[in-house]
């Protein structure tokens, strides 16, 4: 599909909208108001950069074309198409590219091109001073969880957990309704629209209703960052977690880490997203499911818990604002998560 055909298809389907400072412990305690970056309007600019793994210039084109059709301008960073083994350029190059986008007043949002690995190697090099004064949306998931936890916990600024450039299909005529819907959720969140996502009844759901600030992301990243300056604050929050390519015993170990570190003690609610697991070795099975693992760790608490929520390394991965309020409802019909602000 060439550019003209692509934009014609998008228009026909109605997808175009007319549309280094770190906080001290005292600073963190002082964050009572949620800082939400300005929502985007047509004509605003989204920067695309690769702070983690490599992606080619060709592979970001479907996302560029679609976001331009939404009315946004796109600025492609120096790390897109640049490779240093598995990563999108050297540590110096990735840090410099991300810093430039943080500091550029003409960029209103930053979309990370893909996850993989690399953010933890550069995050302590970044200076967030200008970003704190003039926040902008930072988008992505998987390895980008490091940005979500670091920014939410240190600065109280909201970020967007969402699909990235490598999740946009090259041919929208062959995209599933779910794929289209989840990618369009990025536009909804960026433009400040209310969102409500639902999931069917799942085994081991625990009913209840909770309102609180939503935080979370990739479980293995949350464990890796524990005890660091990017550690996730969970007290009084609704926590969501997801992961991929892990063994069941690893999921169990990571949930024990959450429990033993107190991260499950004072939650308002827990959302368990997609978990893609490696196949077990015959004769060496762990003997517990993800439902069993989580339920065991939270049995002494009374907050709502839902499973199989549409977030994670899967097609049904909706955009969520980390660091803002949501209403979680889990009942006999399933679960829902509704944006409050």
C-alpha atoms as a PDB file:
ATOM      1  CA  UNK A   1       0.000   0.000   0.000  1.00  0.00           C
ATOM      2  CA  UNK A   2       1.563   3.328  -1.058  1.00  0.00           C
ATOM      3  CA  UNK A   3       1.197   6.567   0.923  1.00  0.00           C
ATOM      4  CA  UNK A   4      -1.746   7.876  -1.112  1.00  0.00           C
ATOM      5  CA  UNK A   5      -3.656   4.596  -0.790  1.00  0.00           C
ATOM      6  CA  UNK A   6      -2.825   4.419   2.911  1.00  0.00           C
ATOM      7  CA  UNK A   7      -4.166   7.890   3.694  1.00  0.00           C
ATOM      8  CA  UNK A   8      -7.259   7.270   1.571  1.00  0.00           C
ATOM      9  CA  UNK A   9      -7.954   4.123   3.577  1.00  0.00           C
ATOM     10  CA  UNK A  10      -7.453   5.929   6.877  1.00  0.00           C
ATOM     11  CA  UNK A  11      -9.811   8.714   5.836  1.00  0.00           C
ATOM     12  CA  UNK A  12     -12.426   6.201   4.673  1.00  0.00           C
ATOM     13  CA  UNK A  13     -12.358   4.385   7.991  1.00  0.00           C
ATOM     14  CA  UNK A  14     -12.735   7.581  10.006  1.00  0.00           C
ATOM     15  CA  UNK A  15      -9.364   7.444  11.708  1.00  0.00           C
ATOM     16  CA  UNK A  16      -8.360  11.057  10.970  1.00  0.00           C
ATOM     17  CA  UNK A  17      -9.092  13.460  13.772  1.00  0.00           C
ATOM     18  CA  UNK A  18     -10.081  17.003  12.873  1.00  0.00           C
ATOM     19  CA  UNK A  19      -8.156  17.101  15.558  1.00  0.00           C
ATOM     20  CA  UNK A  20      19.025  15.754  35.573  1.00  0.00           C
ATOM     21  CA  UNK A  21      16.926  16.674  38.137  1.00  0.00           C
ATOM     22  CA  UNK A  22      15.950  13.937  40.585  1.00  0.00           C
ATOM     23  CA  UNK A  23      13.414  14.341  43.358  1.00  0.00           C
ATOM     24  CA  UNK A  24      14.479  13.839  46.950  1.00  0.00           C
ATOM     25  CA  UNK A  25      12.396  11.733  49.340  1.00  0.00           C
ATOM     26  CA  UNK A  26      10.845  14.945  50.629  1.00  0.00           C
ATOM     27  CA  UNK A  27      10.026  16.000  47.063  1.00  0.00           C
ATOM     28  CA  UNK A  28       8.276  12.688  46.416  1.00  0.00           C
ATOM     29  CA  UNK A  29       6.165  13.095  49.536  1.00  0.00           C
ATOM     30  CA  UNK A  30       5.193  16.587  48.385  1.00  0.00           C
ATOM     31  CA  UNK A  31       3.612  15.388  45.124  1.00  0.00           C
ATOM     32  CA  UNK A  32      -0.052  15.749  45.977  1.00  0.00           C
ATOM     33  CA  UNK A  33      -1.269  17.067  42.645  1.00  0.00           C
ATOM     34  CA  UNK A  34      -0.859  14.969  39.528  1.00  0.00           C
ATOM     35  CA  UNK A  35       1.130  16.719  36.826  1.00  0.00           C
ATOM     36  CA  UNK A  36      -0.373  15.883  33.465  1.00  0.00           C
ATOM     37  CA  UNK A  37       1.480  17.105  30.357  1.00  0.00           C
ATOM     38  CA  UNK A  38      -0.620  19.178  27.949  1.00  0.00           C
ATOM     39  CA  UNK A  39      -2.774  17.101  25.632  1.00  0.00           C
ATOM     40  CA  UNK A  40      -1.957  17.353  21.951  1.00  0.00           C
ATOM     41  CA  UNK A  41      -3.762  19.321  19.263  1.00  0.00           C
ATOM     42  CA  UNK A  42      -3.450  19.077  15.478  1.00  0.00           C
ATOM     43  CA  UNK A  43      -0.161  20.656  14.446  1.00  0.00           C
ATOM     44  CA  UNK A  44       1.702  19.515  17.567  1.00  0.00           C
ATOM     45  CA  UNK A  45       4.881  17.486  17.141  1.00  0.00           C
ATOM     46  CA  UNK A  46       5.662  13.941  18.226  1.00  0.00           C
ATOM     47  CA  UNK A  47       9.322  12.942  18.344  1.00  0.00           C
ATOM     48  CA  UNK A  48      10.305   9.337  17.626  1.00  0.00           C
ATOM     49  CA  UNK A  49      13.501   7.996  19.194  1.00  0.00           C
ATOM     50  CA  UNK A  50      15.078   4.617  19.989  1.00  0.00           C
ATOM     51  CA  UNK A  51      16.322   4.671  23.600  1.00  0.00           C
ATOM     52  CA  UNK A  52      16.416   0.869  23.743  1.00  0.00           C
ATOM     53  CA  UNK A  53      16.712  -1.643  20.895  1.00  0.00           C
ATOM     54  CA  UNK A  54      17.315  -1.018  17.198  1.00  0.00           C
ATOM     55  CA  UNK A  55      14.597  -0.247  14.662  1.00  0.00           C
ATOM     56  CA  UNK A  56      14.968   0.643  10.984  1.00  0.00           C
ATOM     57  CA  UNK A  57      13.705   3.835   9.380  1.00  0.00           C
ATOM     58  CA  UNK A  58      11.483   1.723   7.141  1.00  0.00           C
ATOM     59  CA  UNK A  59       9.842  -0.009  10.079  1.00  0.00           C
ATOM     60  CA  UNK A  60       8.574   3.219  11.647  1.00  0.00           C
ATOM     61  CA  UNK A  61       6.882   4.476   8.471  1.00  0.00           C
ATOM     62  CA  UNK A  62       3.407   2.984   9.155  1.00  0.00           C
ATOM     63  CA  UNK A  63       3.320   4.757  12.519  1.00  0.00           C
ATOM     64  CA  UNK A  64       4.610   7.997  11.005  1.00  0.00           C
ATOM     65  CA  UNK A  65       1.956   7.971   8.282  1.00  0.00           C
ATOM     66  CA  UNK A  66      -0.879   7.217  10.674  1.00  0.00           C
ATOM     67  CA  UNK A  67       0.095   9.822  13.265  1.00  0.00           C
ATOM     68  CA  UNK A  68       0.495  12.397  10.508  1.00  0.00           C
ATOM     69  CA  UNK A  69      -3.030  11.513   9.376  1.00  0.00           C
ATOM     70  CA  UNK A  70      -4.168  12.368  12.910  1.00  0.00           C
ATOM     71  CA  UNK A  71      -2.878  15.885  12.303  1.00  0.00           C
ATOM     72  CA  UNK A  72       0.443  15.626  14.154  1.00  0.00           C
ATOM     73  CA  UNK A  73       3.887  16.521  12.896  1.00  0.00           C
ATOM     74  CA  UNK A  74       6.601  13.908  13.293  1.00  0.00           C
ATOM     75  CA  UNK A  75      10.253  14.495  14.170  1.00  0.00           C
ATOM     76  CA  UNK A  76      12.469  11.440  13.702  1.00  0.00           C
ATOM     77  CA  UNK A  77      15.464  11.188  16.011  1.00  0.00           C
ATOM     78  CA  UNK A  78      19.045  10.348  15.091  1.00  0.00           C
ATOM     79  CA  UNK A  79      18.827   6.921  16.712  1.00  0.00           C
ATOM     80  CA  UNK A  80      16.153   5.611  14.339  1.00  0.00           C
ATOM     81  CA  UNK A  81      18.005   3.508  11.779  1.00  0.00           C
ATOM     82  CA  UNK A  82      21.193   3.638  13.837  1.00  0.00           C
ATOM     83  CA  UNK A  83      22.572   0.399  15.252  1.00  0.00           C
ATOM     84  CA  UNK A  84      25.086  -0.602  17.889  1.00  0.00           C
ATOM     85  CA  UNK A  85      24.703  -4.388  17.986  1.00  0.00           C
ATOM     86  CA  UNK A  86      21.213  -4.981  19.453  1.00  0.00           C
ATOM     87  CA  UNK A  87      20.621  -1.373  20.529  1.00  0.00           C
ATOM     88  CA  UNK A  88      19.570   1.743  18.655  1.00  0.00           C
ATOM     89  CA  UNK A  89      23.014   3.316  18.676  1.00  0.00           C
ATOM     90  CA  UNK A  90      25.631   3.669  21.385  1.00  0.00           C
ATOM     91  CA  UNK A  91      24.706   4.676  24.919  1.00  0.00           C
ATOM     92  CA  UNK A  92      26.041   8.173  24.213  1.00  0.00           C
ATOM     93  CA  UNK A  93      23.975   8.472  21.029  1.00  0.00           C
ATOM     94  CA  UNK A  94      20.755   7.192  22.597  1.00  0.00           C
ATOM     95  CA  UNK A  95      21.122   9.426  25.644  1.00  0.00           C
ATOM     96  CA  UNK A  96      21.858  12.485  23.497  1.00  0.00           C
ATOM     97  CA  UNK A  97      18.900  11.831  21.188  1.00  0.00           C
ATOM     98  CA  UNK A  98      16.488  11.400  24.084  1.00  0.00           C
ATOM     99  CA  UNK A  99      17.892  14.464  25.873  1.00  0.00           C
ATOM    100  CA  UNK A 100      17.404  16.581  22.771  1.00  0.00           C
ATOM    101  CA  UNK A 101      13.751  15.562  22.613  1.00  0.00           C
ATOM    102  CA  UNK A 102      13.238  16.159  26.327  1.00  0.00           C
ATOM    103  CA  UNK A 103      14.631  19.672  25.999  1.00  0.00           C
ATOM    104  CA  UNK A 104      13.143  20.708  22.625  1.00  0.00           C
ATOM    105  CA  UNK A 105      10.190  23.061  23.317  1.00  0.00           C
ATOM    106  CA  UNK A 106       8.787  22.310  19.867  1.00  0.00           C
ATOM    107  CA  UNK A 107       8.198  18.638  20.673  1.00  0.00           C
ATOM    108  CA  UNK A 108       5.032  17.918  22.661  1.00  0.00           C
ATOM    109  CA  UNK A 109       5.329  14.118  22.973  1.00  0.00           C
ATOM    110  CA  UNK A 110       8.008  11.449  22.611  1.00  0.00           C
ATOM    111  CA  UNK A 111       7.175   8.023  21.229  1.00  0.00           C
ATOM    112  CA  UNK A 112       9.791   5.362  21.879  1.00  0.00           C
ATOM    113  CA  UNK A 113      10.173   3.393  18.660  1.00  0.00           C
ATOM    114  CA  UNK A 114      10.427  -0.008  20.339  1.00  0.00           C
ATOM    115  CA  UNK A 115      11.375  -1.719  23.588  1.00  0.00           C
ATOM    116  CA  UNK A 116      13.873  -4.540  23.923  1.00  0.00           C
ATOM    117  CA  UNK A 117      16.712  -3.400  26.148  1.00  0.00           C
ATOM    118  CA  UNK A 118      18.748  -0.282  26.798  1.00  0.00           C
ATOM    119  CA  UNK A 119      16.875   2.352  28.839  1.00  0.00           C
ATOM    120  CA  UNK A 120      18.502   1.403  32.154  1.00  0.00           C
ATOM    121  CA  UNK A 121      21.909   2.037  30.545  1.00  0.00           C
ATOM    122  CA  UNK A 122      21.119   5.697  29.830  1.00  0.00           C
ATOM    123  CA  UNK A 123      18.465   6.885  32.270  1.00  0.00           C
ATOM    124  CA  UNK A 124      20.958   8.185  34.871  1.00  0.00           C
ATOM    125  CA  UNK A 125      22.648  10.303  32.191  1.00  0.00           C
ATOM    126  CA  UNK A 126      19.478  12.248  31.468  1.00  0.00           C
ATOM    127  CA  UNK A 127      18.751  15.667  32.909  1.00  0.00           C
ATOM    128  CA  UNK A 128      15.024  16.096  33.536  1.00  0.00           C
ATOM    129  CA  UNK A 129      15.245  19.728  34.709  1.00  0.00           C
ATOM    130  CA  UNK A 130      13.587  21.253  31.635  1.00  0.00           C
ATOM    131  CA  UNK A 131      11.159  18.354  31.398  1.00  0.00           C
ATOM    132  CA  UNK A 132       9.980  19.008  34.971  1.00  0.00           C
ATOM    133  CA  UNK A 133       9.255  22.633  34.121  1.00  0.00           C
ATOM    134  CA  UNK A 134       7.616  21.827  30.792  1.00  0.00           C
ATOM    135  CA  UNK A 135       6.344  18.210  30.866  1.00  0.00           C
ATOM    136  CA  UNK A 136       5.556  16.321  27.690  1.00  0.00           C
ATOM    137  CA  UNK A 137       4.106  12.885  27.071  1.00  0.00           C
ATOM    138  CA  UNK A 138       6.529   9.952  26.921  1.00  0.00           C
ATOM    139  CA  UNK A 139       5.047   6.828  25.325  1.00  0.00           C
ATOM    140  CA  UNK A 140       5.960   3.155  25.142  1.00  0.00           C
ATOM    141  CA  UNK A 141       5.964  -0.092  27.100  1.00  0.00           C
ATOM    142  CA  UNK A 142       8.157  -3.120  27.855  1.00  0.00           C
ATOM    143  CA  UNK A 143      11.689  -1.748  28.459  1.00  0.00           C
ATOM    144  CA  UNK A 144      10.157   1.762  28.473  1.00  0.00           C
ATOM    145  CA  UNK A 145       8.685   0.834  31.866  1.00  0.00           C
ATOM    146  CA  UNK A 146      11.946   2.241  33.248  1.00  0.00           C
ATOM    147  CA  UNK A 147      10.870   5.721  32.106  1.00  0.00           C
ATOM    148  CA  UNK A 148       7.366   5.296  33.523  1.00  0.00           C
ATOM    149  CA  UNK A 149       8.535   4.248  36.987  1.00  0.00           C
ATOM    150  CA  UNK A 150      11.379   6.793  37.096  1.00  0.00           C
ATOM    151  CA  UNK A 151       9.243   9.747  36.010  1.00  0.00           C
ATOM    152  CA  UNK A 152       6.109   8.809  37.969  1.00  0.00           C
ATOM    153  CA  UNK A 153       7.986   8.181  41.227  1.00  0.00           C
ATOM    154  CA  UNK A 154      10.494  11.028  41.086  1.00  0.00           C
ATOM    155  CA  UNK A 155       8.518  13.825  39.462  1.00  0.00           C
ATOM    156  CA  UNK A 156       4.829  12.925  39.763  1.00  0.00           C
ATOM    157  CA  UNK A 157       4.419  13.456  36.017  1.00  0.00           C
ATOM    158  CA  UNK A 158       2.112  11.276  33.957  1.00  0.00           C
ATOM    159  CA  UNK A 159       3.360   9.114  31.086  1.00  0.00           C
ATOM    160  CA  UNK A 160       1.646   6.817  28.571  1.00  0.00           C
ATOM    161  CA  UNK A 161       2.057   3.044  28.592  1.00  0.00           C
ATOM    162  CA  UNK A 162       1.213   2.141  24.987  1.00  0.00           C
ATOM    163  CA  UNK A 163       2.152   0.355  21.837  1.00  0.00           C
ATOM    164  CA  UNK A 164       5.149   1.682  19.937  1.00  0.00           C
ATOM    165  CA  UNK A 165       6.163   2.118  16.305  1.00  0.00           C
ATOM    166  CA  UNK A 166       6.969  -1.562  15.820  1.00  0.00           C
ATOM    167  CA  UNK A 167       3.351  -2.470  16.672  1.00  0.00           C
ATOM    168  CA  UNK A 168       1.754  -0.530  13.802  1.00  0.00           C
ATOM    169  CA  UNK A 169       0.740  -2.780  10.865  1.00  0.00           C
ATOM    170  CA  UNK A 170       2.172  -2.026   7.439  1.00  0.00           C
ATOM    171  CA  UNK A 171      -1.191  -2.787   5.792  1.00  0.00           C
ATOM    172  CA  UNK A 172      -4.257  -1.504   7.617  1.00  0.00           C
ATOM    173  CA  UNK A 173      -6.609  -3.334   5.272  1.00  0.00           C
ATOM    174  CA  UNK A 174      -5.361  -6.560   6.868  1.00  0.00           C
ATOM    175  CA  UNK A 175      -5.305  -5.293  10.456  1.00  0.00           C
ATOM    176  CA  UNK A 176      -7.755  -6.849  12.893  1.00  0.00           C
ATOM    177  CA  UNK A 177     -10.399  -4.665  14.565  1.00  0.00           C
ATOM    178  CA  UNK A 178      -8.601  -5.211  17.895  1.00  0.00           C
ATOM    179  CA  UNK A 179      -5.268  -4.064  16.452  1.00  0.00           C
ATOM    180  CA  UNK A 180      -6.855  -0.929  15.022  1.00  0.00           C
ATOM    181  CA  UNK A 181      -8.771  -0.192  18.216  1.00  0.00           C
ATOM    182  CA  UNK A 182      -5.743  -0.472  20.475  1.00  0.00           C
ATOM    183  CA  UNK A 183      -3.603   1.741  18.255  1.00  0.00           C
ATOM    184  CA  UNK A 184      -6.372   4.323  18.051  1.00  0.00           C
ATOM    185  CA  UNK A 185      -6.421   4.342  21.862  1.00  0.00           C
ATOM    186  CA  UNK A 186      -3.056   6.137  21.638  1.00  0.00           C
ATOM    187  CA  UNK A 187      -4.764   8.986  19.791  1.00  0.00           C
ATOM    188  CA  UNK A 188      -7.579   9.045  22.354  1.00  0.00           C
ATOM    189  CA  UNK A 189      -5.196   9.360  25.286  1.00  0.00           C
ATOM    190  CA  UNK A 190      -2.916  11.902  23.585  1.00  0.00           C
ATOM    191  CA  UNK A 191      -5.885  14.136  22.774  1.00  0.00           C
ATOM    192  CA  UNK A 192      -7.333  13.942  26.292  1.00  0.00           C
ATOM    193  CA  UNK A 193     -10.396  11.808  25.563  1.00  0.00           C
ATOM    194  CA  UNK A 194     -11.924   9.691  28.306  1.00  0.00           C
ATOM    195  CA  UNK A 195     -11.247   5.978  28.065  1.00  0.00           C
ATOM    196  CA  UNK A 196     -12.857   2.854  29.453  1.00  0.00           C
ATOM    197  CA  UNK A 197     -11.405  -0.593  28.880  1.00  0.00           C
ATOM    198  CA  UNK A 198     -13.068  -3.857  29.823  1.00  0.00           C
ATOM    199  CA  UNK A 199     -12.100  -7.493  30.269  1.00  0.00           C
ATOM    200  CA  UNK A 200     -14.312 -10.583  30.592  1.00  0.00           C
ATOM    201  CA  UNK A 201     -14.641 -12.606  33.760  1.00  0.00           C
ATOM    202  CA  UNK A 202     -11.384 -14.396  34.542  1.00  0.00           C
ATOM    203  CA  UNK A 203     -10.427 -17.153  36.931  1.00  0.00           C
ATOM    204  CA  UNK A 204      -9.484 -15.907  40.404  1.00  0.00           C
ATOM    205  CA  UNK A 205     -10.803 -12.371  39.873  1.00  0.00           C
ATOM    206  CA  UNK A 206     -11.530 -10.743  43.236  1.00  0.00           C
ATOM    207  CA  UNK A 207     -14.476  -8.405  43.160  1.00  0.00           C
ATOM    208  CA  UNK A 208     -14.341  -4.849  44.370  1.00  0.00           C
ATOM    209  CA  UNK A 209     -14.147  -1.216  43.365  1.00  0.00           C
ATOM    210  CA  UNK A 210     -11.202   1.144  43.773  1.00  0.00           C
ATOM    211  CA  UNK A 211     -10.123   4.580  42.649  1.00  0.00           C
ATOM    212  CA  UNK A 212      -6.476   5.585  42.618  1.00  0.00           C
ATOM    213  CA  UNK A 213      -3.418   6.588  40.671  1.00  0.00           C
ATOM    214  CA  UNK A 214      -2.460   3.959  38.108  1.00  0.00           C
ATOM    215  CA  UNK A 215       1.174   2.788  37.994  1.00  0.00           C
ATOM    216  CA  UNK A 216       2.989  -0.227  36.638  1.00  0.00           C
ATOM    217  CA  UNK A 217       4.290  -1.875  33.513  1.00  0.00           C
ATOM    218  CA  UNK A 218       6.588  -4.774  32.787  1.00  0.00           C
ATOM    219  CA  UNK A 219       7.004  -6.987  35.853  1.00  0.00           C
ATOM    220  CA  UNK A 220      10.641  -7.936  35.237  1.00  0.00           C
ATOM    221  CA  UNK A 221      11.560  -4.243  34.848  1.00  0.00           C
ATOM    222  CA  UNK A 222       9.743  -3.341  38.060  1.00  0.00           C
ATOM    223  CA  UNK A 223      11.747  -6.037  39.857  1.00  0.00           C
ATOM    224  CA  UNK A 224      15.023  -4.942  38.228  1.00  0.00           C
ATOM    225  CA  UNK A 225      14.510  -1.309  39.269  1.00  0.00           C
ATOM    226  CA  UNK A 226      13.593  -2.113  42.893  1.00  0.00           C
ATOM    227  CA  UNK A 227      15.851  -0.282  45.337  1.00  0.00           C
ATOM    228  CA  UNK A 228      17.169   2.081  42.667  1.00  0.00           C
ATOM    229  CA  UNK A 229      16.364   5.731  42.102  1.00  0.00           C
ATOM    230  CA  UNK A 230      13.776   4.513  39.569  1.00  0.00           C
ATOM    231  CA  UNK A 231      11.947   2.320  42.092  1.00  0.00           C
ATOM    232  CA  UNK A 232       8.162   2.235  41.724  1.00  0.00           C
ATOM    233  CA  UNK A 233       5.943   3.835  44.369  1.00  0.00           C
ATOM    234  CA  UNK A 234       2.871   1.615  44.931  1.00  0.00           C
ATOM    235  CA  UNK A 235       1.294   2.706  48.237  1.00  0.00           C
ATOM    236  CA  UNK A 236      -2.277   3.837  47.604  1.00  0.00           C
ATOM    237  CA  UNK A 237      -2.006   3.063  43.892  1.00  0.00           C
ATOM    238  CA  UNK A 238      -3.653   0.727  41.429  1.00  0.00           C
ATOM    239  CA  UNK A 239      -0.839  -1.472  40.101  1.00  0.00           C
ATOM    240  CA  UNK A 240      -0.849  -3.173  36.689  1.00  0.00           C
ATOM    241  CA  UNK A 241       1.735  -5.731  35.576  1.00  0.00           C
ATOM    242  CA  UNK A 242       2.471  -7.772  32.451  1.00  0.00           C
ATOM    243  CA  UNK A 243       5.370  -9.783  31.041  1.00  0.00           C
ATOM    244  CA  UNK A 244       6.566 -11.977  28.205  1.00  0.00           C
ATOM    245  CA  UNK A 245       8.997 -14.829  27.516  1.00  0.00           C
ATOM    246  CA  UNK A 246       9.339 -15.793  31.174  1.00  0.00           C
ATOM    247  CA  UNK A 247       9.144 -19.102  32.999  1.00  0.00           C
ATOM    248  CA  UNK A 248       6.415 -19.680  35.557  1.00  0.00           C
ATOM    249  CA  UNK A 249       8.976 -19.990  38.338  1.00  0.00           C
ATOM    250  CA  UNK A 250      10.353 -16.581  37.314  1.00  0.00           C
ATOM    251  CA  UNK A 251       6.888 -15.046  37.568  1.00  0.00           C
ATOM    252  CA  UNK A 252       6.575 -16.602  41.014  1.00  0.00           C
ATOM    253  CA  UNK A 253       9.960 -15.215  42.073  1.00  0.00           C
ATOM    254  CA  UNK A 254       9.060 -11.723  40.841  1.00  0.00           C
ATOM    255  CA  UNK A 255       5.739 -11.718  42.672  1.00  0.00           C
ATOM    256  CA  UNK A 256       7.540 -12.824  45.840  1.00  0.00           C
ATOM    257  CA  UNK A 257       9.793  -9.804  45.305  1.00  0.00           C
ATOM    258  CA  UNK A 258       6.741  -7.537  45.119  1.00  0.00           C
ATOM    259  CA  UNK A 259       5.327  -9.063  48.282  1.00  0.00           C
ATOM    260  CA  UNK A 260       8.536  -9.141  50.330  1.00  0.00           C
ATOM    261  CA  UNK A 261       9.388  -5.543  49.365  1.00  0.00           C
ATOM    262  CA  UNK A 262       5.968  -4.342  50.535  1.00  0.00           C
ATOM    263  CA  UNK A 263       4.749  -3.315  47.105  1.00  0.00           C
ATOM    264  CA  UNK A 264       1.539  -5.340  47.451  1.00  0.00           C
ATOM    265  CA  UNK A 265       0.714  -4.267  51.016  1.00  0.00           C
ATOM    266  CA  UNK A 266      -1.074  -0.971  50.497  1.00  0.00           C
ATOM    267  CA  UNK A 267      -2.442  -1.190  46.969  1.00  0.00           C
ATOM    268  CA  UNK A 268      -5.869   0.110  46.009  1.00  0.00           C
ATOM    269  CA  UNK A 269      -6.140  -2.604  43.371  1.00  0.00           C
ATOM    270  CA  UNK A 270      -4.138  -5.022  41.224  1.00  0.00           C
ATOM    271  CA  UNK A 271      -4.468  -5.524  37.464  1.00  0.00           C
ATOM    272  CA  UNK A 272      -2.803  -8.561  35.911  1.00  0.00           C
ATOM    273  CA  UNK A 273      -2.367  -8.134  32.166  1.00  0.00           C
ATOM    274  CA  UNK A 274      -1.017 -10.474  29.531  1.00  0.00           C
ATOM    275  CA  UNK A 275       1.642 -13.027  30.440  1.00  0.00           C
ATOM    276  CA  UNK A 276       3.236 -14.885  27.533  1.00  0.00           C
ATOM    277  CA  UNK A 277       5.136 -17.790  29.008  1.00  0.00           C
ATOM    278  CA  UNK A 278       7.948 -19.966  27.748  1.00  0.00           C
ATOM    279  CA  UNK A 279       7.095 -23.626  27.381  1.00  0.00           C
ATOM    280  CA  UNK A 280       8.014 -25.722  30.374  1.00  0.00           C
ATOM    281  CA  UNK A 281      10.458 -28.588  30.156  1.00  0.00           C
ATOM    282  CA  UNK A 282       8.572 -31.901  30.425  1.00  0.00           C
ATOM    283  CA  UNK A 283       9.226 -33.404  33.830  1.00  0.00           C
ATOM    284  CA  UNK A 284      10.292 -30.064  35.293  1.00  0.00           C
ATOM    285  CA  UNK A 285       6.915 -28.295  35.461  1.00  0.00           C
ATOM    286  CA  UNK A 286       6.390 -25.598  38.100  1.00  0.00           C
ATOM    287  CA  UNK A 287       2.903 -26.805  38.996  1.00  0.00           C
ATOM    288  CA  UNK A 288       1.183 -23.439  39.409  1.00  0.00           C
ATOM    289  CA  UNK A 289      -0.537 -21.107  36.961  1.00  0.00           C
ATOM    290  CA  UNK A 290      -0.217 -17.314  36.870  1.00  0.00           C
ATOM    291  CA  UNK A 291      -3.637 -17.209  38.558  1.00  0.00           C
ATOM    292  CA  UNK A 292      -2.328 -19.430  41.355  1.00  0.00           C
ATOM    293  CA  UNK A 293       0.896 -17.464  41.735  1.00  0.00           C
ATOM    294  CA  UNK A 294      -0.794 -14.081  42.072  1.00  0.00           C
ATOM    295  CA  UNK A 295      -3.675 -15.279  44.246  1.00  0.00           C
ATOM    296  CA  UNK A 296      -1.228 -16.821  46.700  1.00  0.00           C
ATOM    297  CA  UNK A 297       0.611 -13.492  47.124  1.00  0.00           C
ATOM    298  CA  UNK A 298      -2.488 -11.331  47.629  1.00  0.00           C
ATOM    299  CA  UNK A 299      -4.736 -13.650  49.664  1.00  0.00           C
ATOM    300  CA  UNK A 300      -4.259 -11.660  52.870  1.00  0.00           C
ATOM    301  CA  UNK A 301      -5.386  -8.386  51.285  1.00  0.00           C
ATOM    302  CA  UNK A 302      -8.905  -7.314  50.368  1.00  0.00           C
ATOM    303  CA  UNK A 303      -8.448  -5.006  47.361  1.00  0.00           C
ATOM    304  CA  UNK A 304      -9.913  -5.889  43.943  1.00  0.00           C
ATOM    305  CA  UNK A 305      -7.806  -8.052  41.634  1.00  0.00           C
ATOM    306  CA  UNK A 306      -8.461  -8.738  37.959  1.00  0.00           C
ATOM    307  CA  UNK A 307      -6.729 -11.045  35.487  1.00  0.00           C
ATOM    308  CA  UNK A 308      -6.364 -11.170  31.694  1.00  0.00           C
ATOM    309  CA  UNK A 309      -6.629  -7.394  31.335  1.00  0.00           C
ATOM    310  CA  UNK A 310      -5.905  -6.030  27.812  1.00  0.00           C
ATOM    311  CA  UNK A 311      -2.411  -4.699  28.425  1.00  0.00           C
ATOM    312  CA  UNK A 312       0.953  -6.270  27.633  1.00  0.00           C
ATOM    313  CA  UNK A 313       2.959  -7.937  24.875  1.00  0.00           C
ATOM    314  CA  UNK A 314      -0.138  -8.832  22.877  1.00  0.00           C
ATOM    315  CA  UNK A 315      -2.498  -7.414  20.264  1.00  0.00           C
ATOM    316  CA  UNK A 316      -4.981  -6.131  22.863  1.00  0.00           C
ATOM    317  CA  UNK A 317      -2.591  -3.674  24.480  1.00  0.00           C
ATOM    318  CA  UNK A 318      -4.479  -0.446  25.194  1.00  0.00           C
ATOM    319  CA  UNK A 319      -2.917   2.930  26.012  1.00  0.00           C
ATOM    320  CA  UNK A 320      -2.911   3.755  29.737  1.00  0.00           C
ATOM    321  CA  UNK A 321      -1.861   6.949  31.489  1.00  0.00           C
ATOM    322  CA  UNK A 322       0.597   6.057  34.237  1.00  0.00           C
ATOM    323  CA  UNK A 323       0.431   8.508  37.115  1.00  0.00           C
ATOM    324  CA  UNK A 324      -3.220   9.563  36.704  1.00  0.00           C
ATOM    325  CA  UNK A 325      -6.427   8.482  38.418  1.00  0.00           C
ATOM    326  CA  UNK A 326      -8.527   5.556  37.239  1.00  0.00           C
ATOM    327  CA  UNK A 327     -11.547   3.719  38.559  1.00  0.00           C
ATOM    328  CA  UNK A 328     -11.157  -0.064  38.696  1.00  0.00           C
ATOM    329  CA  UNK A 329     -14.318  -2.143  38.967  1.00  0.00           C
ATOM    330  CA  UNK A 330     -14.324  -5.932  39.223  1.00  0.00           C
ATOM    331  CA  UNK A 331     -17.671  -7.703  39.469  1.00  0.00           C
ATOM    332  CA  UNK A 332     -19.525 -10.782  38.267  1.00  0.00           C
ATOM    333  CA  UNK A 333     -19.624  -9.437  34.687  1.00  0.00           C
ATOM    334  CA  UNK A 334     -15.876  -8.896  34.423  1.00  0.00           C
ATOM    335  CA  UNK A 335     -13.618  -5.914  35.019  1.00  0.00           C
ATOM    336  CA  UNK A 336     -13.338  -2.344  33.771  1.00  0.00           C
ATOM    337  CA  UNK A 337     -10.829   0.470  34.063  1.00  0.00           C
ATOM    338  CA  UNK A 338     -12.110   3.999  33.507  1.00  0.00           C
ATOM    339  CA  UNK A 339     -10.027   7.169  33.331  1.00  0.00           C
ATOM    340  CA  UNK A 340     -10.957   9.726  35.976  1.00  0.00           C
ATOM    341  CA  UNK A 341      -8.640  12.530  34.924  1.00  0.00           C
END
